[in-house]
Amino acid sequence: MNNRLNSIGLDKKPSDTTIVVAMSGGVDSSTVAAMMKKEGYKVIGITLKLYDDGKEVAASKQCCSGQDIMDAKRVAQKLGIEHKILYYQNKFKQGVIDNFVDSYLQGETPIPCVQCNQTVKFKDLFQVSKELNADAMITGHYVKSITIGNDTSMYRAIDENRDQSYFLFSTTKDQLNYLRFPLGSLLKDETRKIAKELQLNVADKPDSQDICFVPNGDYASVIRKFKPESLRKGNIKNFDGKVIGVHNGIINFTIGQRKGIKVSDKEPLYVLEINSNKNEIIVGPREKLGKKVINLDNLNLLVDESEFKEKILVKVRSTGKLLEAKIKLKDKKKAEVNLKNAEDGISPGQACVFYKENENGYKVLGGGWIKS
């Protein structure tokens, strides 16, 4: 034993450490692979083919497109590392796309990126990494992890504008102890600078912005493609239950939406509720949007329940700010969140993620899915 931990917290020389890097073909994961190779680790790059994209989709700013796979392959060749492509289209369709479609039809606002991390990326890729006898799996996500002994905790990234901890709340403790996130302590500009210094062909590649199977952010088109029969007209009602208009399918609406309701009133109307059972949209004034109590299902806790006795901060959407709250854990899978101040636009299908501040930053305690 050399009694000196390597840069990913393992008691081994980098040259004796095999790591799998999840390579999406973007600048972040490519830079991580290059950094690890430069430090002397045995690197295996793995790229996932998740869906069959047409030519019209491949050109958009999406992750996991055909172009991305080629970019990942080129980076791997430049670095001289082993590179594998895993064809997971069926797994992705069942675990992510079908879930997304069903969730939208229930009047929810799903987050497929969390489902993707929860299923193919961390569950299946985790298994493959173990089968390859890798000591750790590395990704280009912007989250900070701190490993003490064999225990890893997840923290919000240094670069708050890039932080992806919200999308990783469903990571299991076993996965977290095996995962490493080297970019969590870097700013995005620093990552691009490293990529340029290492002469990577993706150094100036734009960030992916769209969900990979949703061209140009048009969710409704995806639902139309997979469930064309779901576009049914229904009533738009006000807060008192009076019919004030007709909608052309609940998939065209999300909680908190103001534009596109096409019903005039003396003050602006917002979508307050989507009732999929009755195929109805309930609208009303902005002051009715605020909610203080949220019920969660399918909890994933990364810490002991005792940590919830102190002040907790929560995030109820990926772009939202941290909100002060009290958490009442009902059982291993359900919780009630009581926000200190009412928050607008909270939607079923989104995640509520728990944080607690300490000397290392904002620690991720876990989270759950918003049910009501």
Protein backbone atom coordinates (compact mmCIF):
# COMPACT_ATOMS: atom_id res chain seq x y z
CA MET A 1 0.00 0.00 0.00
CA ASN A 2 1.43 3.41 -0.87
CA ASN A 3 -0.83 5.24 1.66
CA ARG A 4 -1.29 8.07 -0.80
CA LEU A 5 -4.67 8.53 -2.38
CA ASN A 6 -4.76 9.27 -6.10
CA SER A 7 -6.78 12.20 -7.48
CA ILE A 8 -10.05 10.22 -7.41
CA GLY A 9 -9.59 9.20 -3.78
CA LEU A 10 -8.39 5.61 -4.29
CA ASP A 11 -5.32 4.09 -2.65
CA LYS A 12 -3.69 3.07 -5.94
CA LYS A 13 -1.28 4.52 -8.45
CA PRO A 14 -3.16 6.02 -11.45
CA SER A 15 -1.34 3.54 -13.71
CA ASP A 16 -2.88 0.67 -11.70
CA THR A 17 -6.37 2.25 -11.71
CA THR A 18 -8.88 1.43 -14.47
CA ILE A 19 -11.67 3.94 -14.95
CA VAL A 20 -14.67 4.14 -17.28
CA VAL A 21 -15.47 7.61 -18.59
CA ALA A 22 -19.00 8.19 -19.91
CA MET A 23 -18.23 10.08 -23.14
CA SER A 24 -21.20 11.90 -24.68
CA GLY A 25 -19.13 13.63 -27.36
CA GLY A 26 -19.44 17.03 -25.68
CA VAL A 27 -16.66 19.21 -24.31
CA ASP A 28 -17.24 18.26 -20.66
CA SER A 29 -16.93 14.48 -20.85
CA SER A 30 -14.17 14.73 -23.48
CA THR A 31 -12.15 17.01 -21.20
CA VAL A 32 -12.62 14.64 -18.25
CA ALA A 33 -11.34 11.71 -20.37
CA ALA A 34 -8.31 13.76 -21.44
CA MET A 35 -7.56 14.90 -17.87
CA MET A 36 -7.69 11.32 -16.58
CA LYS A 37 -5.47 10.06 -19.42
CA LYS A 38 -2.96 12.85 -18.76
CA GLU A 39 -2.82 11.88 -15.08
CA GLY A 40 -1.87 8.34 -16.08
CA TYR A 41 -5.11 6.40 -15.46
CA LYS A 42 -6.14 3.43 -17.62
CA VAL A 43 -9.14 5.00 -19.36
CA ILE A 44 -11.98 3.21 -21.17
CA GLY A 45 -14.40 5.59 -22.90
CA ILE A 46 -18.00 4.49 -23.33
CA THR A 47 -20.57 6.26 -25.50
CA LEU A 48 -24.26 5.40 -25.47
CA LYS A 49 -26.42 5.38 -28.59
CA LEU A 50 -29.81 6.13 -27.09
CA TYR A 51 -32.17 6.86 -29.94
CA ASP A 52 -32.36 6.74 -33.72
CA ASP A 53 -32.15 10.32 -34.86
CA GLY A 54 -33.20 11.49 -38.31
CA LYS A 55 -31.11 13.99 -40.24
CA GLU A 56 -33.38 16.85 -39.23
CA VAL A 57 -32.70 16.10 -35.55
CA ALA A 58 -28.97 15.49 -35.70
CA ALA A 59 -28.20 19.11 -36.54
CA SER A 60 -29.96 20.54 -33.48
CA LYS A 61 -28.27 21.33 -30.17
CA GLN A 62 -29.01 17.99 -28.56
CA CYS A 63 -26.97 15.43 -26.65
CA CYS A 64 -26.40 11.87 -27.84
CA SER A 65 -26.96 12.55 -31.56
CA GLY A 66 -25.06 10.74 -34.32
CA GLN A 67 -22.60 13.64 -34.56
CA ASP A 68 -21.84 13.32 -30.84
CA ILE A 69 -20.91 9.65 -31.21
CA MET A 70 -18.47 10.55 -33.99
CA ASP A 71 -16.99 13.35 -31.86
CA ALA A 72 -16.50 10.99 -28.91
CA LYS A 73 -14.80 8.45 -31.19
CA ARG A 74 -12.41 11.10 -32.54
CA VAL A 75 -11.49 12.27 -29.03
CA ALA A 76 -10.84 8.67 -27.94
CA GLN A 77 -8.61 8.10 -30.98
CA LYS A 78 -6.66 11.28 -30.27
CA LEU A 79 -6.15 10.26 -26.64
CA GLY A 80 -5.24 6.69 -27.58
CA ILE A 81 -7.82 5.16 -25.24
CA GLU A 82 -10.15 2.20 -25.69
CA HIS A 83 -13.62 3.30 -26.81
CA LYS A 84 -16.87 1.35 -26.80
CA ILE A 85 -20.32 2.24 -28.14
CA LEU A 86 -23.30 0.66 -26.37
CA TYR A 87 -26.55 0.46 -28.33
CA TYR A 88 -29.27 1.20 -25.78
CA GLN A 89 -32.10 2.45 -27.99
CA ASN A 90 -34.62 -0.11 -26.66
CA LYS A 91 -33.66 0.47 -23.01
CA PHE A 92 -33.92 4.24 -23.55
CA LYS A 93 -37.30 3.98 -25.29
CA GLN A 94 -38.76 1.88 -22.45
CA GLY A 95 -37.07 3.61 -19.51
CA VAL A 96 -37.19 7.24 -20.65
CA ILE A 97 -39.30 8.07 -23.72
CA ASP A 98 -42.35 5.94 -22.78
CA ASN A 99 -42.22 7.33 -19.25
CA PHE A 100 -42.01 10.89 -20.60
CA VAL A 101 -45.05 10.40 -22.87
CA ASP A 102 -47.17 8.75 -20.15
CA SER A 103 -46.24 11.44 -17.62
CA TYR A 104 -47.27 14.25 -19.99
CA LEU A 105 -50.59 12.54 -20.70
CA GLN A 106 -51.26 12.49 -16.95
CA GLY A 107 -50.91 16.28 -16.85
CA GLU A 108 -47.41 16.18 -15.34
CA THR A 109 -44.22 17.97 -16.41
CA PRO A 110 -41.62 15.19 -16.56
CA ILE A 111 -37.82 15.51 -16.47
CA PRO A 112 -36.41 12.88 -18.84
CA CYS A 113 -32.79 13.78 -17.99
CA VAL A 114 -33.31 12.48 -14.43
CA GLN A 115 -34.94 9.31 -15.77
CA CYS A 116 -32.03 8.85 -18.17
CA ASN A 117 -29.47 9.18 -15.35
CA GLN A 118 -31.58 6.89 -13.16
CA THR A 119 -31.89 4.15 -15.78
CA VAL A 120 -29.49 3.75 -18.72
CA LYS A 121 -26.69 6.09 -17.66
CA PHE A 122 -26.09 5.10 -14.07
CA LYS A 123 -27.89 1.77 -13.69
CA ASP A 124 -26.85 0.05 -16.92
CA LEU A 125 -23.54 1.84 -17.47
CA PHE A 126 -22.70 1.26 -13.79
CA GLN A 127 -23.20 -2.49 -14.37
CA VAL A 128 -21.05 -2.49 -17.52
CA SER A 129 -18.27 -0.60 -15.69
CA LYS A 130 -18.29 -3.23 -12.93
CA GLU A 131 -18.13 -6.02 -15.54
CA LEU A 132 -15.06 -4.32 -17.04
CA ASN A 133 -13.47 -4.42 -13.54
CA ALA A 134 -13.16 -0.64 -13.51
CA ASP A 135 -12.25 0.93 -10.15
CA ALA A 136 -14.53 3.94 -10.73
CA MET A 137 -16.87 5.52 -13.24
CA ILE A 138 -16.22 9.15 -14.21
CA THR A 139 -18.68 11.60 -15.79
CA GLY A 140 -18.52 15.21 -16.97
CA HIS A 141 -21.43 16.34 -14.79
CA TYR A 142 -21.06 19.59 -12.87
CA VAL A 143 -21.50 18.29 -9.34
CA LYS A 144 -18.95 18.18 -6.56
CA SER A 145 -18.28 14.95 -4.72
CA ILE A 146 -16.27 14.46 -1.57
CA THR A 147 -15.02 10.97 -0.72
CA ILE A 148 -13.96 10.10 2.82
CA GLY A 149 -12.91 6.48 3.21
CA ASN A 150 -15.40 4.51 1.13
CA ASP A 151 -18.18 7.05 1.53
CA THR A 152 -18.93 9.69 -1.13
CA SER A 153 -21.22 12.68 -0.63
CA MET A 154 -22.63 14.84 -3.43
CA TYR A 155 -22.54 18.64 -3.36
CA ARG A 156 -23.71 21.43 -5.60
CA ALA A 157 -21.04 22.41 -8.17
CA ILE A 158 -18.82 25.46 -7.70
CA ASP A 159 -20.26 26.84 -10.96
CA GLU A 160 -23.88 27.45 -9.86
CA ASN A 161 -24.96 28.26 -13.43
CA ARG A 162 -23.82 24.80 -14.54
CA ASP A 163 -24.73 22.80 -11.43
CA GLN A 164 -26.42 19.49 -12.34
CA SER A 165 -27.02 18.08 -8.85
CA TYR A 166 -30.80 18.52 -9.29
CA PHE A 167 -30.68 15.97 -12.14
CA LEU A 168 -28.68 13.46 -10.09
CA PHE A 169 -30.77 13.27 -6.92
CA SER A 170 -31.93 9.73 -7.78
CA THR A 171 -28.37 8.36 -7.80
CA THR A 172 -28.15 5.50 -5.30
CA LYS A 173 -25.59 5.45 -2.49
CA ASP A 174 -23.82 2.47 -4.12
CA GLN A 175 -23.56 4.35 -7.42
CA LEU A 176 -22.39 7.52 -5.70
CA ASN A 177 -19.58 5.68 -3.93
CA TYR A 178 -18.39 4.41 -7.33
CA LEU A 179 -18.88 7.64 -9.30
CA ARG A 180 -16.48 10.58 -9.57
CA PHE A 181 -17.17 14.09 -10.94
CA PRO A 182 -13.87 15.92 -11.61
CA LEU A 183 -15.55 19.04 -13.08
CA GLY A 184 -17.49 19.91 -9.92
CA SER A 185 -14.74 22.25 -8.74
CA LEU A 186 -14.26 23.98 -12.12
CA LEU A 187 -16.04 26.79 -13.91
CA LYS A 188 -17.24 26.03 -17.44
CA ASP A 189 -14.74 28.53 -18.90
CA GLU A 190 -11.93 26.64 -17.15
CA THR A 191 -13.13 23.35 -18.69
CA ARG A 192 -13.05 24.87 -22.18
CA LYS A 193 -9.58 26.29 -21.50
CA ILE A 194 -8.30 22.83 -20.51
CA ALA A 195 -9.91 21.35 -23.64
CA LYS A 196 -8.07 23.91 -25.80
CA GLU A 197 -4.76 23.28 -24.03
CA LEU A 198 -5.20 19.55 -24.66
CA GLN A 199 -6.11 20.35 -28.30
CA LEU A 200 -9.45 18.55 -28.27
CA ASN A 201 -11.55 18.92 -31.43
CA VAL A 202 -14.66 19.64 -29.30
CA ALA A 203 -13.13 22.56 -27.33
CA ASP A 204 -15.48 25.12 -28.96
CA LYS A 205 -18.47 22.81 -29.44
CA PRO A 206 -21.73 24.45 -28.25
CA ASP A 207 -23.46 22.95 -25.22
CA SER A 208 -26.46 20.70 -25.84
CA GLN A 209 -29.64 22.56 -24.96
CA ASP A 210 -32.49 20.35 -26.11
CA ILE A 211 -33.58 17.03 -24.66
CA CYS A 212 -32.08 14.49 -27.05
CA PHE A 213 -35.35 13.08 -28.41
CA VAL A 214 -37.23 16.42 -28.40
CA PRO A 215 -36.25 18.40 -31.52
CA ASN A 216 -36.17 22.17 -30.90
CA GLY A 217 -37.87 21.78 -27.51
CA ASP A 218 -41.24 20.87 -29.07
CA TYR A 219 -42.63 18.41 -26.50
CA ALA A 220 -46.07 18.19 -28.06
CA SER A 221 -44.58 16.87 -31.34
CA VAL A 222 -43.09 13.91 -29.45
CA ILE A 223 -46.46 13.04 -27.90
CA ARG A 224 -48.16 13.39 -31.29
CA LYS A 225 -45.61 10.99 -32.77
CA PHE A 226 -45.99 8.26 -30.14
CA LYS A 227 -49.62 8.77 -29.05
CA PRO A 228 -51.47 10.66 -31.83
CA GLU A 229 -54.85 9.71 -30.35
CA SER A 230 -54.06 11.68 -27.18
CA LEU A 231 -54.75 15.12 -28.69
CA ARG A 232 -58.35 15.51 -27.54
CA LYS A 233 -60.20 18.79 -27.10
CA GLY A 234 -61.50 19.58 -23.63
CA ASN A 235 -62.79 22.35 -21.40
CA ILE A 236 -60.87 25.25 -19.95
CA LYS A 237 -62.46 26.23 -16.62
CA ASN A 238 -61.89 29.12 -14.26
CA PHE A 239 -61.22 28.73 -10.55
CA ASP A 240 -64.98 28.65 -9.82
CA GLY A 241 -65.58 25.72 -12.20
CA LYS A 242 -67.17 27.76 -15.00
CA VAL A 243 -66.29 26.72 -18.58
CA ILE A 244 -64.60 29.70 -20.27
CA GLY A 245 -62.91 28.10 -23.26
CA VAL A 246 -61.78 24.97 -25.11
CA HIS A 247 -58.25 23.56 -25.32
CA ASN A 248 -56.85 21.34 -28.09
CA GLY A 249 -55.04 18.79 -25.86
CA ILE A 250 -53.67 18.95 -22.30
CA ILE A 251 -50.17 18.13 -23.59
CA ASN A 252 -49.94 21.74 -24.81
CA PHE A 253 -50.08 23.10 -21.23
CA THR A 254 -47.89 23.18 -18.13
CA ILE A 255 -48.56 24.53 -14.63
CA GLY A 256 -47.79 28.25 -14.43
CA GLN A 257 -48.15 28.80 -18.19
CA ARG A 258 -49.55 32.16 -19.26
CA LYS A 259 -49.11 32.35 -23.04
CA GLY A 260 -51.16 30.24 -25.45
CA ILE A 261 -54.25 29.80 -23.27
CA LYS A 262 -56.29 31.80 -25.83
CA VAL A 263 -58.94 32.88 -23.34
CA SER A 264 -59.36 36.59 -22.59
CA ASP A 265 -60.16 37.94 -19.14
CA LYS A 266 -59.88 41.27 -17.34
CA GLU A 267 -56.56 40.10 -15.83
CA PRO A 268 -53.89 37.66 -17.12
CA LEU A 269 -54.76 33.98 -16.68
CA TYR A 270 -52.33 31.24 -15.68
CA VAL A 271 -52.64 27.45 -15.79
CA LEU A 272 -53.30 26.41 -12.18
CA GLU A 273 -54.15 22.74 -12.62
CA ILE A 274 -54.25 20.05 -15.30
CA ASN A 275 -56.88 17.38 -14.69
CA SER A 276 -56.05 14.49 -17.01
CA ASN A 277 -58.97 12.33 -15.80
CA LYS A 278 -61.51 14.94 -16.93
CA ASN A 279 -59.30 16.29 -19.76
CA GLU A 280 -59.64 19.78 -18.24
CA ILE A 281 -57.40 22.80 -17.75
CA ILE A 282 -58.09 25.02 -14.71
CA VAL A 283 -56.93 28.64 -15.07
CA GLY A 284 -56.92 31.64 -12.77
CA PRO A 285 -55.03 34.73 -11.56
CA ARG A 286 -51.34 34.60 -10.66
CA GLU A 287 -51.95 34.86 -6.89
CA LYS A 288 -53.59 31.42 -7.00
CA LEU A 289 -50.35 29.83 -8.31
CA GLY A 290 -48.42 29.99 -5.03
CA LYS A 291 -48.11 26.73 -3.07
CA LYS A 292 -46.51 26.01 0.32
CA VAL A 293 -47.20 22.28 0.82
CA ILE A 294 -45.83 19.64 -1.58
CA ASN A 295 -46.32 15.88 -1.40
CA LEU A 296 -43.48 13.70 -2.68
CA ASP A 297 -43.33 10.08 -3.79
CA ASN A 298 -40.49 7.67 -4.68
CA LEU A 299 -37.98 9.30 -2.35
CA ASN A 300 -34.27 8.62 -2.73
CA LEU A 301 -32.30 9.52 0.40
CA LEU A 302 -28.50 9.78 0.32
CA VAL A 303 -28.08 10.50 4.04
CA ASP A 304 -29.43 9.31 7.38
CA GLU A 305 -32.91 10.55 8.32
CA SER A 306 -31.42 12.38 11.34
CA GLU A 307 -29.98 15.00 8.95
CA PHE A 308 -33.50 16.25 8.23
CA LYS A 309 -34.05 17.66 11.73
CA GLU A 310 -32.15 20.88 10.92
CA LYS A 311 -32.87 23.61 8.36
CA ILE A 312 -33.29 22.17 4.88
CA LEU A 313 -33.20 23.91 1.51
CA VAL A 314 -35.08 22.52 -1.47
CA LYS A 315 -35.17 23.04 -5.21
CA VAL A 316 -38.49 22.41 -6.98
CA ARG A 317 -37.31 22.95 -10.57
CA SER A 318 -33.93 22.69 -12.28
CA THR A 319 -33.61 26.44 -12.84
CA GLY A 320 -35.13 27.40 -9.49
CA LYS A 321 -33.49 28.93 -6.45
CA LEU A 322 -32.97 27.18 -3.11
CA LEU A 323 -36.04 27.54 -0.87
CA GLU A 324 -36.18 27.15 2.91
CA ALA A 325 -38.42 24.26 4.00
CA LYS A 326 -39.28 21.71 6.66
CA ILE A 327 -39.42 18.07 5.56
CA LYS A 328 -41.73 15.55 7.16
CA LEU A 329 -40.61 12.04 6.18
CA LYS A 330 -43.71 9.85 6.18
CA ASP A 331 -41.94 6.59 5.34
CA LYS A 332 -38.99 5.44 3.22
CA LYS A 333 -40.70 6.59 0.02
CA LYS A 334 -43.03 9.50 0.87
CA ALA A 335 -42.55 12.97 2.34
CA GLU A 336 -44.40 16.24 2.92
CA VAL A 337 -42.49 19.45 2.20
CA ASN A 338 -43.60 22.65 3.92
CA LEU A 339 -42.08 25.71 2.26
CA LYS A 340 -41.39 28.79 4.39
CA ASN A 341 -42.70 31.00 1.55
CA ALA A 342 -45.21 30.12 -1.18
CA GLU A 343 -43.69 29.28 -4.58
CA ASP A 344 -45.32 29.64 -8.01
CA GLY A 345 -45.57 27.06 -10.77
CA ILE A 346 -44.85 23.88 -8.79
CA SER A 347 -45.78 21.00 -11.07
CA PRO A 348 -46.39 17.27 -10.55
CA GLY A 349 -43.78 15.25 -12.43
CA GLN A 350 -40.94 17.59 -11.45
CA ALA A 351 -38.42 16.70 -8.74
CA CYS A 352 -37.96 18.28 -5.32
CA VAL A 353 -34.33 17.97 -4.25
CA PHE A 354 -33.04 18.46 -0.68
CA TYR A 355 -29.87 20.37 0.25
CA LYS A 356 -28.11 21.34 3.46
CA GLU A 357 -25.31 23.87 3.74
CA ASN A 358 -22.08 22.95 5.57
CA GLU A 359 -18.41 23.93 5.44
CA ASN A 360 -17.97 22.14 2.06
CA GLY A 361 -20.91 23.81 0.31
CA TYR A 362 -24.47 22.62 -0.37
CA LYS A 363 -24.74 18.90 0.30
CA VAL A 364 -27.37 16.89 -1.60
CA LEU A 365 -29.47 14.87 0.86
CA GLY A 366 -31.66 13.23 -1.79
CA GLY A 367 -35.08 14.10 -3.15
CA GLY A 368 -38.36 12.82 -4.53
CA TRP A 369 -40.95 13.26 -7.26
CA ILE A 370 -43.70 15.85 -6.84
CA LYS A 371 -47.11 14.14 -6.79
CA SER A 372 -49.36 16.98 -5.62
